C-alpha atoms as a PDB file:
ATOM      1  CA  MET A   1       0.000   0.000   0.000  1.00  0.00           C
ATOM      2  CA  ARG A   2       1.085   3.542  -0.711  1.00  0.00           C
ATOM      3  CA  ASP A   3       0.397   6.807   1.103  1.00  0.00           C
ATOM      4  CA  PHE A   4      -1.665   8.793  -1.404  1.00  0.00           C
ATOM      5  CA  GLN A   5      -0.955  12.082   0.379  1.00  0.00           C
ATOM      6  CA  GLN A   6       2.717  11.797  -0.572  1.00  0.00           C
ATOM      7  CA  PHE A   7       1.959  12.077  -4.295  1.00  0.00           C
ATOM      8  CA  GLU A   8       2.346  15.620  -5.588  1.00  0.00           C
ATOM      9  CA  PHE A   9      -0.390  15.004  -8.157  1.00  0.00           C
ATOM     10  CA  TRP A  10      -2.795  13.962  -5.366  1.00  0.00           C
ATOM     11  CA  GLN A  11      -2.000  17.190  -3.483  1.00  0.00           C
ATOM     12  CA  LYS A  12      -2.583  19.260  -6.623  1.00  0.00           C
ATOM     13  CA  ALA A  13      -5.814  17.381  -7.373  1.00  0.00           C
ATOM     14  CA  HIS A  14      -7.101  17.967  -3.840  1.00  0.00           C
ATOM     15  CA  THR A  15      -6.331  21.687  -4.090  1.00  0.00           C
ATOM     16  CA  LEU A  16      -8.013  21.866  -7.494  1.00  0.00           C
ATOM     17  CA  THR A  17     -11.126  20.166  -6.081  1.00  0.00           C
ATOM     18  CA  LEU A  18     -11.363  22.851  -3.401  1.00  0.00           C
ATOM     19  CA  LYS A  19     -11.021  25.543  -6.085  1.00  0.00           C
ATOM     20  CA  ILE A  20     -13.736  23.925  -8.228  1.00  0.00           C
ATOM     21  CA  TYR A  21     -16.114  23.867  -5.257  1.00  0.00           C
ATOM     22  CA  LEU A  22     -15.495  27.592  -4.754  1.00  0.00           C
ATOM     23  CA  SER A  23     -15.807  28.402  -8.455  1.00  0.00           C
ATOM     24  CA  THR A  24     -19.113  26.562  -8.818  1.00  0.00           C
ATOM     25  CA  LYS A  25     -20.720  28.349  -5.854  1.00  0.00           C
ATOM     26  CA  SER A  26     -21.593  31.234  -8.148  1.00  0.00           C
ATOM     27  CA  PHE A  27     -23.179  29.055 -10.864  1.00  0.00           C
ATOM     28  CA  PRO A  28     -26.904  29.585 -11.498  1.00  0.00           C
ATOM     29  CA  LYS A  29     -29.215  27.723  -9.128  1.00  0.00           C
ATOM     30  CA  GLU A  30     -30.711  25.739 -12.015  1.00  0.00           C
ATOM     31  CA  GLU A  31     -27.268  24.151 -12.507  1.00  0.00           C
ATOM     32  CA  LEU A  32     -27.121  22.798  -8.940  1.00  0.00           C
ATOM     33  CA  TYR A  33     -28.037  19.275 -10.053  1.00  0.00           C
ATOM     34  CA  GLY A  34     -26.491  19.726 -13.498  1.00  0.00           C
ATOM     35  CA  LEU A  35     -23.124  21.228 -14.296  1.00  0.00           C
ATOM     36  CA  THR A  36     -22.350  22.257 -10.699  1.00  0.00           C
ATOM     37  CA  SER A  37     -22.819  18.706  -9.460  1.00  0.00           C
ATOM     38  CA  GLN A  38     -20.981  17.195 -12.432  1.00  0.00           C
ATOM     39  CA  MET A  39     -17.932  19.427 -11.996  1.00  0.00           C
ATOM     40  CA  ARG A  40     -17.757  18.784  -8.286  1.00  0.00           C
ATOM     41  CA  ARG A  41     -18.048  15.053  -8.896  1.00  0.00           C
ATOM     42  CA  SER A  42     -15.438  14.893 -11.655  1.00  0.00           C
ATOM     43  CA  SER A  43     -12.971  17.095  -9.756  1.00  0.00           C
ATOM     44  CA  SER A  44     -13.307  15.107  -6.525  1.00  0.00           C
ATOM     45  CA  SER A  45     -13.067  11.862  -8.500  1.00  0.00           C
ATOM     46  CA  ILE A  46      -9.448  12.672  -9.353  1.00  0.00           C
ATOM     47  CA  PRO A  47      -7.965  12.622  -5.811  1.00  0.00           C
ATOM     48  CA  THR A  48     -10.516  10.012  -4.694  1.00  0.00           C
ATOM     49  CA  ASN A  49      -9.418   7.495  -7.323  1.00  0.00           C
ATOM     50  CA  ILE A  50      -5.757   8.205  -6.620  1.00  0.00           C
ATOM     51  CA  ALA A  51      -6.407   7.481  -2.941  1.00  0.00           C
ATOM     52  CA  GLU A  52      -8.367   4.326  -3.717  1.00  0.00           C
ATOM     53  CA  GLY A  53      -5.675   3.084  -6.083  1.00  0.00           C
ATOM     54  CA  CYS A  54      -3.071   3.555  -3.370  1.00  0.00           C
ATOM     55  CA  GLY A  55      -5.117   1.323  -1.097  1.00  0.00           C
ATOM     56  CA  ARG A  56      -5.002  -1.562  -3.567  1.00  0.00           C
ATOM     57  CA  GLU A  57      -2.447  -4.339  -3.335  1.00  0.00           C
ATOM     58  CA  SER A  58      -1.661  -4.980  -6.998  1.00  0.00           C
ATOM     59  CA  ILE A  59      -0.024  -2.808  -9.644  1.00  0.00           C
ATOM     60  CA  PRO A  60      -2.778  -3.539 -12.213  1.00  0.00           C
ATOM     61  CA  GLU A  61      -5.409  -2.289  -9.751  1.00  0.00           C
ATOM     62  CA  LEU A  62      -3.331   0.793  -8.955  1.00  0.00           C
ATOM     63  CA  LYS A  63      -3.009   1.523 -12.679  1.00  0.00           C
ATOM     64  CA  ARG A  64      -6.748   1.059 -13.186  1.00  0.00           C
ATOM     65  CA  PHE A  65      -7.679   3.606 -10.522  1.00  0.00           C
ATOM     66  CA  PHE A  66      -5.017   6.050 -11.666  1.00  0.00           C
ATOM     67  CA  SER A  67      -6.363   5.694 -15.219  1.00  0.00           C
ATOM     68  CA  ILE A  68      -9.859   6.493 -13.942  1.00  0.00           C
ATOM     69  CA  ALA A  69      -8.413   9.602 -12.255  1.00  0.00           C
ATOM     70  CA  ALA A  70      -6.818  10.638 -15.561  1.00  0.00           C
ATOM     71  CA  GLY A  71     -10.165  10.123 -17.295  1.00  0.00           C
ATOM     72  CA  SER A  72     -11.826  12.368 -14.734  1.00  0.00           C
ATOM     73  CA  CYS A  73      -9.249  15.022 -15.647  1.00  0.00           C
ATOM     74  CA  SER A  74     -10.460  14.925 -19.250  1.00  0.00           C
ATOM     75  CA  GLU A  75     -14.069  15.089 -18.095  1.00  0.00           C
ATOM     76  CA  LEU A  76     -13.347  18.131 -15.933  1.00  0.00           C
ATOM     77  CA  GLN A  77     -11.396  19.762 -18.742  1.00  0.00           C
ATOM     78  CA  TYR A  78     -14.486  19.662 -20.971  1.00  0.00           C
ATOM     79  CA  GLN A  79     -16.761  20.870 -18.170  1.00  0.00           C
ATOM     80  CA  LEU A  80     -14.478  23.856 -17.636  1.00  0.00           C
ATOM     81  CA  MET A  81     -14.716  24.647 -21.342  1.00  0.00           C
ATOM     82  CA  LEU A  82     -18.505  24.416 -21.198  1.00  0.00           C
ATOM     83  CA  SER A  83     -18.606  26.643 -18.103  1.00  0.00           C
ATOM     84  CA  LYS A  84     -16.525  29.273 -19.869  1.00  0.00           C
ATOM     85  CA  ASP A  85     -18.685  29.141 -22.998  1.00  0.00           C
ATOM     86  CA  LEU A  86     -21.813  29.522 -20.858  1.00  0.00           C
ATOM     87  CA  LYS A  87     -20.120  32.518 -19.163  1.00  0.00           C
ATOM     88  CA  TYR A  88     -20.245  30.851 -15.734  1.00  0.00           C
ATOM     89  CA  ILE A  89     -16.491  31.317 -15.264  1.00  0.00           C
ATOM     90  CA  SER A  90     -14.080  33.934 -16.581  1.00  0.00           C
ATOM     91  CA  ASP A  91     -11.502  33.301 -19.271  1.00  0.00           C
ATOM     92  CA  ASN A  92      -8.784  33.736 -16.646  1.00  0.00           C
ATOM     93  CA  LEU A  93     -10.306  31.169 -14.300  1.00  0.00           C
ATOM     94  CA  PHE A  94     -10.795  28.778 -17.213  1.00  0.00           C
ATOM     95  CA  THR A  95      -7.139  29.146 -18.224  1.00  0.00           C
ATOM     96  CA  GLU A  96      -5.907  28.692 -14.651  1.00  0.00           C
ATOM     97  CA  HIS A  97      -8.021  25.619 -13.865  1.00  0.00           C
ATOM     98  CA  THR A  98      -7.402  24.015 -17.254  1.00  0.00           C
ATOM     99  CA  ALA A  99      -3.633  24.382 -16.848  1.00  0.00           C
ATOM    100  CA  GLU A 100      -3.883  22.697 -13.442  1.00  0.00           C
ATOM    101  CA  VAL A 101      -5.966  19.828 -14.830  1.00  0.00           C
ATOM    102  CA  ILE A 102      -3.532  19.246 -17.697  1.00  0.00           C
ATOM    103  CA  CYS A 103      -0.576  19.282 -15.299  1.00  0.00           C
ATOM    104  CA  ILE A 104      -2.245  16.743 -12.994  1.00  0.00           C
ATOM    105  CA  LYS A 105      -3.183  14.483 -15.903  1.00  0.00           C
ATOM    106  CA  ARG A 106       0.381  14.538 -17.247  1.00  0.00           C
ATOM    107  CA  MET A 107       1.789  13.700 -13.820  1.00  0.00           C
ATOM    108  CA  ILE A 108      -0.610  10.772 -13.411  1.00  0.00           C
ATOM    109  CA  SER A 109       0.143   9.481 -16.907  1.00  0.00           C
ATOM    110  CA  LYS A 110       3.881   9.744 -16.320  1.00  0.00           C
ATOM    111  CA  TYR A 111       3.578   7.794 -13.069  1.00  0.00           C
ATOM    112  CA  ILE A 112       1.453   5.093 -14.729  1.00  0.00           C
ATOM    113  CA  GLY A 113       4.112   4.804 -17.434  1.00  0.00           C
ATOM    114  CA  LYS A 114       6.771   4.093 -14.804  1.00  0.00           C
ATOM    115  CA  LEU A 115       4.831   1.192 -13.281  1.00  0.00           C
END
């Protein structure tokens, strides 16, 4: 078993999740069960799946959960784009969050490649 908190990409993913929760607070109320919920779920799925993978005994299971986390990065990346296009977030916030998501995804992919 591995300590998920020691991974820099888990730390970055956790911080990004907190930022997404803050960013989505200002979304329209009609999005509460739509885009707001989806973005919160996909962002929290990233560190959650990293943590779950670290709790698994085998390398194939670890890879599977880390791959799910990377997939959640792609999901969140699209949701950020949609939020920007709907004018729910600013261009600056979109650029900042998207850069963070891409960085996290690259770090996860690089780690998976080393296994």
